[in-house]
Amino acid sequence: QVQLVESGGGLVQPGGSLRLSCAASRSIGSFNAMGWYRQAPGKQRELVAIITTLGITNYADSVKGRFTVSRDSAKSTVYLQMNSLKPEDTAIYYCNIDRRGWGGDNYWGKGTQVTVSS
């Protein structure tokens, strides 16, 4: 079983930046994609940004140009650099690693709170 641990969340003013990190408890080997989802109060969980095993990225329209997803496969770690943060970015951010088809499962972290407020 793979455990994912997120870090880097917190309170930031509008226009500020945060960098989220997600580390797997062990080397994960092959995977389909790694990335981030978020869930705001009263809303469904939504994709924020993912990066595939080939390095192809996909972003929600609302974060394009502001957020950057990256990974360190050797460390089984995925990052989310968030710039120009807006109050509507406030949510719990969840790390995800999809290993379905590679002898694994679709793994989730417990989430880290990001609050954008003045």
C-alpha atoms as a PDB file:
ATOM      1  CA  GLN A   1       0.000   0.000   0.000  1.00  0.00           C
ATOM      2  CA  VAL A   2       1.246   3.479  -0.863  1.00  0.00           C
ATOM      3  CA  GLN A   3       0.737   6.394   1.520  1.00  0.00           C
ATOM      4  CA  LEU A   4       0.804   9.954   0.168  1.00  0.00           C
ATOM      5  CA  VAL A   5       1.691  12.866   2.407  1.00  0.00           C
ATOM      6  CA  GLU A   6       1.013  16.445   1.325  1.00  0.00           C
ATOM      7  CA  SER A   7       2.712  19.527   2.720  1.00  0.00           C
ATOM      8  CA  GLY A   8       3.000  23.225   1.973  1.00  0.00           C
ATOM      9  CA  GLY A   9      -0.551  24.415   2.483  1.00  0.00           C
ATOM     10  CA  GLY A  10      -1.470  27.423   4.568  1.00  0.00           C
ATOM     11  CA  LEU A  11      -2.878  30.926   4.629  1.00  0.00           C
ATOM     12  CA  VAL A  12      -1.746  33.390   1.961  1.00  0.00           C
ATOM     13  CA  GLN A  13      -2.915  36.785   0.783  1.00  0.00           C
ATOM     14  CA  PRO A  14      -4.412  37.268  -2.673  1.00  0.00           C
ATOM     15  CA  GLY A  15      -1.647  37.514  -5.237  1.00  0.00           C
ATOM     16  CA  GLY A  16       0.688  35.409  -3.137  1.00  0.00           C
ATOM     17  CA  SER A  17       2.318  32.069  -3.822  1.00  0.00           C
ATOM     18  CA  LEU A  18       2.503  28.630  -2.261  1.00  0.00           C
ATOM     19  CA  ARG A  19       4.253  25.433  -3.210  1.00  0.00           C
ATOM     20  CA  LEU A  20       2.627  22.115  -2.380  1.00  0.00           C
ATOM     21  CA  SER A  21       4.586  18.878  -2.165  1.00  0.00           C
ATOM     22  CA  CYS A  22       3.397  15.297  -2.072  1.00  0.00           C
ATOM     23  CA  ALA A  23       5.703  12.445  -1.205  1.00  0.00           C
ATOM     24  CA  ALA A  24       4.901   8.767  -1.542  1.00  0.00           C
ATOM     25  CA  SER A  25       5.841   6.436   1.295  1.00  0.00           C
ATOM     26  CA  ARG A  26       7.846   4.258  -1.058  1.00  0.00           C
ATOM     27  CA  SER A  27       9.036   4.158  -4.624  1.00  0.00           C
ATOM     28  CA  ILE A  28       5.966   3.835  -6.798  1.00  0.00           C
ATOM     29  CA  GLY A  29       7.507   2.573 -10.033  1.00  0.00           C
ATOM     30  CA  SER A  30       5.372   2.890 -13.147  1.00  0.00           C
ATOM     31  CA  PHE A  31       2.283   5.068 -13.062  1.00  0.00           C
ATOM     32  CA  ASN A  32      -0.241   6.725 -15.357  1.00  0.00           C
ATOM     33  CA  ALA A  33      -0.321  10.186 -13.840  1.00  0.00           C
ATOM     34  CA  MET A  34       0.450  12.162 -10.689  1.00  0.00           C
ATOM     35  CA  GLY A  35      -1.251  15.350  -9.726  1.00  0.00           C
ATOM     36  CA  TRP A  36      -3.527  17.497  -7.661  1.00  0.00           C
ATOM     37  CA  TYR A  37      -7.239  17.867  -7.112  1.00  0.00           C
ATOM     38  CA  ARG A  38      -9.111  20.263  -4.843  1.00  0.00           C
ATOM     39  CA  GLN A  39     -12.418  20.488  -3.064  1.00  0.00           C
ATOM     40  CA  ALA A  40     -13.932  23.732  -1.864  1.00  0.00           C
ATOM     41  CA  PRO A  41     -16.749  23.813   0.722  1.00  0.00           C
ATOM     42  CA  GLY A  42     -20.030  22.742  -0.816  1.00  0.00           C
ATOM     43  CA  LYS A  43     -18.420  21.772  -4.117  1.00  0.00           C
ATOM     44  CA  GLN A  44     -17.307  18.544  -5.755  1.00  0.00           C
ATOM     45  CA  ARG A  45     -13.672  17.563  -5.964  1.00  0.00           C
ATOM     46  CA  GLU A  46     -12.145  18.856  -9.180  1.00  0.00           C
ATOM     47  CA  LEU A  47      -8.945  18.338 -11.128  1.00  0.00           C
ATOM     48  CA  VAL A  48      -6.366  21.078 -10.690  1.00  0.00           C
ATOM     49  CA  ALA A  49      -3.317  19.750 -12.532  1.00  0.00           C
ATOM     50  CA  ILE A  50      -1.815  16.414 -13.483  1.00  0.00           C
ATOM     51  CA  ILE A  51       1.363  15.236 -15.136  1.00  0.00           C
ATOM     52  CA  THR A  52       1.576  11.921 -16.949  1.00  0.00           C
ATOM     53  CA  THR A  53       4.396   9.437 -16.989  1.00  0.00           C
ATOM     54  CA  LEU A  54       5.413  10.964 -20.339  1.00  0.00           C
ATOM     55  CA  GLY A  55       5.545  14.427 -18.817  1.00  0.00           C
ATOM     56  CA  ILE A  56       2.353  15.669 -20.454  1.00  0.00           C
ATOM     57  CA  THR A  57       0.500  18.153 -18.271  1.00  0.00           C
ATOM     58  CA  ASN A  58      -3.157  19.020 -18.016  1.00  0.00           C
ATOM     59  CA  TYR A  59      -4.562  21.977 -16.095  1.00  0.00           C
ATOM     60  CA  ALA A  60      -7.978  23.227 -15.111  1.00  0.00           C
ATOM     61  CA  ASP A  61      -8.816  26.334 -17.113  1.00  0.00           C
ATOM     62  CA  SER A  62      -9.113  28.328 -13.895  1.00  0.00           C
ATOM     63  CA  VAL A  63      -5.446  27.788 -12.993  1.00  0.00           C
ATOM     64  CA  LYS A  64      -3.730  27.872 -16.382  1.00  0.00           C
ATOM     65  CA  GLY A  65      -0.855  30.333 -16.426  1.00  0.00           C
ATOM     66  CA  ARG A  66      -0.790  30.543 -12.622  1.00  0.00           C
ATOM     67  CA  PHE A  67      -0.099  26.987 -11.422  1.00  0.00           C
ATOM     68  CA  THR A  68       2.657  24.598 -12.455  1.00  0.00           C
ATOM     69  CA  VAL A  69       2.735  20.873 -11.737  1.00  0.00           C
ATOM     70  CA  SER A  70       6.028  18.997 -11.732  1.00  0.00           C
ATOM     71  CA  ARG A  71       7.381  15.707 -10.503  1.00  0.00           C
ATOM     72  CA  ASP A  72      10.533  14.023  -9.330  1.00  0.00           C
ATOM     73  CA  SER A  73       9.974  10.435 -10.343  1.00  0.00           C
ATOM     74  CA  ALA A  74      13.132   9.255  -8.619  1.00  0.00           C
ATOM     75  CA  LYS A  75      11.738  10.564  -5.343  1.00  0.00           C
ATOM     76  CA  SER A  76       8.123   9.622  -6.131  1.00  0.00           C
ATOM     77  CA  THR A  77       7.202  13.218  -5.375  1.00  0.00           C
ATOM     78  CA  VAL A  78       4.866  15.621  -7.120  1.00  0.00           C
ATOM     79  CA  TYR A  79       4.761  19.388  -6.669  1.00  0.00           C
ATOM     80  CA  LEU A  80       2.304  22.177  -7.345  1.00  0.00           C
ATOM     81  CA  GLN A  81       3.646  25.719  -7.617  1.00  0.00           C
ATOM     82  CA  MET A  82       0.768  28.140  -7.174  1.00  0.00           C
ATOM     83  CA  ASN A  83       1.255  31.792  -8.088  1.00  0.00           C
ATOM     84  CA  SER A  84      -1.112  34.760  -8.260  1.00  0.00           C
ATOM     85  CA  LEU A  85      -3.446  33.035  -5.852  1.00  0.00           C
ATOM     86  CA  LYS A  86      -7.061  34.138  -5.692  1.00  0.00           C
ATOM     87  CA  PRO A  87      -9.691  33.743  -2.961  1.00  0.00           C
ATOM     88  CA  GLU A  88     -11.506  31.257  -5.206  1.00  0.00           C
ATOM     89  CA  ASP A  89      -8.456  28.980  -4.985  1.00  0.00           C
ATOM     90  CA  THR A  90      -9.322  28.352  -1.339  1.00  0.00           C
ATOM     91  CA  ALA A  91      -9.884  24.618  -0.916  1.00  0.00           C
ATOM     92  CA  ILE A  92      -8.463  21.405   0.421  1.00  0.00           C
ATOM     93  CA  TYR A  93      -5.873  20.189  -2.065  1.00  0.00           C
ATOM     94  CA  TYR A  94      -5.431  16.442  -2.532  1.00  0.00           C
ATOM     95  CA  CYS A  95      -2.496  14.636  -4.054  1.00  0.00           C
ATOM     96  CA  ASN A  96      -3.226  11.734  -6.399  1.00  0.00           C
ATOM     97  CA  ILE A  97      -1.132   9.022  -7.995  1.00  0.00           C
ATOM     98  CA  ASP A  98      -2.820   6.738 -10.501  1.00  0.00           C
ATOM     99  CA  ARG A  99      -1.166   3.317 -10.756  1.00  0.00           C
ATOM    100  CA  ARG A 100      -4.156   1.423 -12.106  1.00  0.00           C
ATOM    101  CA  GLY A 101      -2.976  -1.133 -14.629  1.00  0.00           C
ATOM    102  CA  TRP A 102       0.501  -1.237 -13.118  1.00  0.00           C
ATOM    103  CA  GLY A 103      -0.308  -3.563 -10.249  1.00  0.00           C
ATOM    104  CA  GLY A 104      -1.446  -0.648  -8.107  1.00  0.00           C
ATOM    105  CA  ASP A 105      -4.451   1.473  -7.296  1.00  0.00           C
ATOM    106  CA  ASN A 106      -5.614   5.080  -7.494  1.00  0.00           C
ATOM    107  CA  TYR A 107      -4.010   6.612  -4.406  1.00  0.00           C
ATOM    108  CA  TRP A 108      -5.034   9.755  -2.530  1.00  0.00           C
ATOM    109  CA  GLY A 109      -3.434  11.853   0.158  1.00  0.00           C
ATOM    110  CA  LYS A 110      -5.407  13.167   3.127  1.00  0.00           C
ATOM    111  CA  GLY A 111      -5.323  16.710   1.827  1.00  0.00           C
ATOM    112  CA  THR A 112      -3.809  20.035   2.785  1.00  0.00           C
ATOM    113  CA  GLN A 113      -5.756  23.241   3.344  1.00  0.00           C
ATOM    114  CA  VAL A 114      -5.026  26.277   1.196  1.00  0.00           C
ATOM    115  CA  THR A 115      -6.717  29.510   2.232  1.00  0.00           C
ATOM    116  CA  VAL A 116      -6.384  32.689   0.194  1.00  0.00           C
ATOM    117  CA  SER A 117      -7.611  35.680   2.150  1.00  0.00           C
ATOM    118  CA  SER A 118      -6.605  39.175   3.118  1.00  0.00           C
END
